[in-house]
């Protein structure tokens, strides 16, 4: 699971804001206490810090590769079609859903 932009900004704030500078280990401990289901390592803190220093933001850059061809609504339509007709051939499902 990736971190949200808000959580990444929170890590930067924990890392050092003004006179309050903390070590990466301290940031991990504070963050992991606040978000026990979202534990991070010191290397995560380093990557976020380096990304911010290099690019000036913490958002993920777009990945290369093929874009998704179906949106959530189209996927739901296909699932409902298969649920209604479980023995329908996949080619027919695709043709009926224009995919």
Protein backbone atom coordinates (compact mmCIF):
# COMPACT_ATOMS: atom_id res chain seq x y z
CA UNK A 1 0.00 0.00 0.00
CA UNK A 2 1.30 3.40 -0.83
CA UNK A 3 1.09 6.43 1.41
CA UNK A 4 -1.25 9.30 0.68
CA UNK A 5 0.19 12.70 -0.20
CA UNK A 6 -1.07 13.98 3.15
CA UNK A 7 0.85 11.26 5.00
CA UNK A 8 4.00 12.02 2.99
CA UNK A 9 3.71 15.70 3.86
CA UNK A 10 3.22 14.74 7.49
CA UNK A 11 6.47 12.76 7.35
CA UNK A 12 8.30 15.81 6.00
CA UNK A 13 6.85 17.96 8.78
CA UNK A 14 7.88 15.39 11.38
CA UNK A 15 11.36 15.20 9.86
CA UNK A 16 12.13 18.83 10.33
CA UNK A 17 10.25 22.04 10.52
CA UNK A 18 12.20 25.05 11.75
CA UNK A 19 14.22 24.26 14.87
CA UNK A 20 12.50 20.92 15.47
CA UNK A 21 14.62 18.48 13.50
CA UNK A 22 14.23 14.77 14.14
CA UNK A 23 16.13 11.73 13.02
CA UNK A 24 14.60 9.35 10.51
CA UNK A 25 14.31 6.78 13.29
CA UNK A 26 12.31 9.21 15.46
CA UNK A 27 10.04 10.05 12.53
CA UNK A 28 9.38 6.33 11.97
CA UNK A 29 8.53 5.80 15.63
CA UNK A 30 6.12 8.76 15.73
CA UNK A 31 4.47 7.86 12.41
CA UNK A 32 4.20 4.15 13.26
CA UNK A 33 2.61 5.00 16.61
CA UNK A 34 0.04 7.22 14.93
CA UNK A 35 -0.61 4.80 12.02
CA UNK A 36 0.05 1.27 13.37
CA UNK A 37 -1.55 -0.32 10.29
CA UNK A 38 0.63 1.78 7.94
CA UNK A 39 4.14 1.14 9.27
CA UNK A 40 7.08 2.76 7.48
CA UNK A 41 10.84 2.27 7.58
CA UNK A 42 13.71 4.75 7.71
CA UNK A 43 14.33 4.13 4.02
CA UNK A 44 10.76 5.26 3.28
CA UNK A 45 11.44 8.51 5.12
CA UNK A 46 14.67 8.93 3.13
CA UNK A 47 12.93 8.32 -0.21
CA UNK A 48 10.19 10.84 0.59
CA UNK A 49 12.76 13.41 1.73
CA UNK A 50 14.90 12.88 -1.38
CA UNK A 51 11.88 13.12 -3.69
CA UNK A 52 10.86 16.39 -2.06
CA UNK A 53 14.38 17.85 -2.31
CA UNK A 54 14.76 16.78 -5.95
CA UNK A 55 11.30 17.54 -7.36
CA UNK A 56 9.77 19.93 -4.81
CA UNK A 57 6.72 17.72 -4.22
CA UNK A 58 5.78 14.33 -2.82
CA UNK A 59 3.28 13.08 -5.39
CA UNK A 60 4.00 9.99 -7.43
CA UNK A 61 5.10 10.63 -10.97
CA UNK A 62 2.98 8.94 -13.65
CA UNK A 63 4.19 5.44 -14.38
CA UNK A 64 4.96 4.25 -17.87
CA UNK A 65 2.94 1.49 -19.42
CA UNK A 66 -0.49 0.84 -20.72
CA UNK A 67 -3.34 2.82 -19.23
CA UNK A 68 -6.34 1.05 -17.76
CA UNK A 69 -8.89 0.30 -20.43
CA UNK A 70 -11.94 -0.07 -18.16
CA UNK A 71 -13.32 2.20 -15.49
CA UNK A 72 -15.07 0.96 -12.35
CA UNK A 73 -18.55 1.30 -13.86
CA UNK A 74 -17.62 -0.82 -16.88
CA UNK A 75 -16.09 -3.48 -14.62
CA UNK A 76 -19.28 -3.57 -12.57
CA UNK A 77 -21.39 -3.98 -15.72
CA UNK A 78 -19.27 -6.94 -16.78
CA UNK A 79 -19.46 -8.56 -13.34
CA UNK A 80 -23.24 -8.18 -13.28
CA UNK A 81 -23.48 -9.66 -16.78
CA UNK A 82 -21.42 -12.69 -15.76
CA UNK A 83 -23.40 -13.06 -12.54
CA UNK A 84 -26.67 -13.10 -14.51
CA UNK A 85 -25.28 -15.45 -17.19
CA UNK A 86 -22.43 -17.52 -15.66
CA UNK A 87 -22.15 -19.82 -18.71
CA UNK A 88 -21.98 -17.04 -21.27
CA UNK A 89 -18.80 -17.20 -23.40
CA UNK A 90 -16.20 -14.55 -22.59
CA UNK A 91 -16.19 -13.31 -26.18
CA UNK A 92 -19.92 -12.73 -25.96
CA UNK A 93 -19.51 -10.87 -22.64
CA UNK A 94 -16.87 -8.68 -24.28
CA UNK A 95 -19.02 -8.05 -27.34
CA UNK A 96 -22.07 -7.21 -25.24
CA UNK A 97 -20.07 -4.75 -23.18
CA UNK A 98 -18.18 -3.22 -26.13
CA UNK A 99 -14.80 -4.31 -24.75
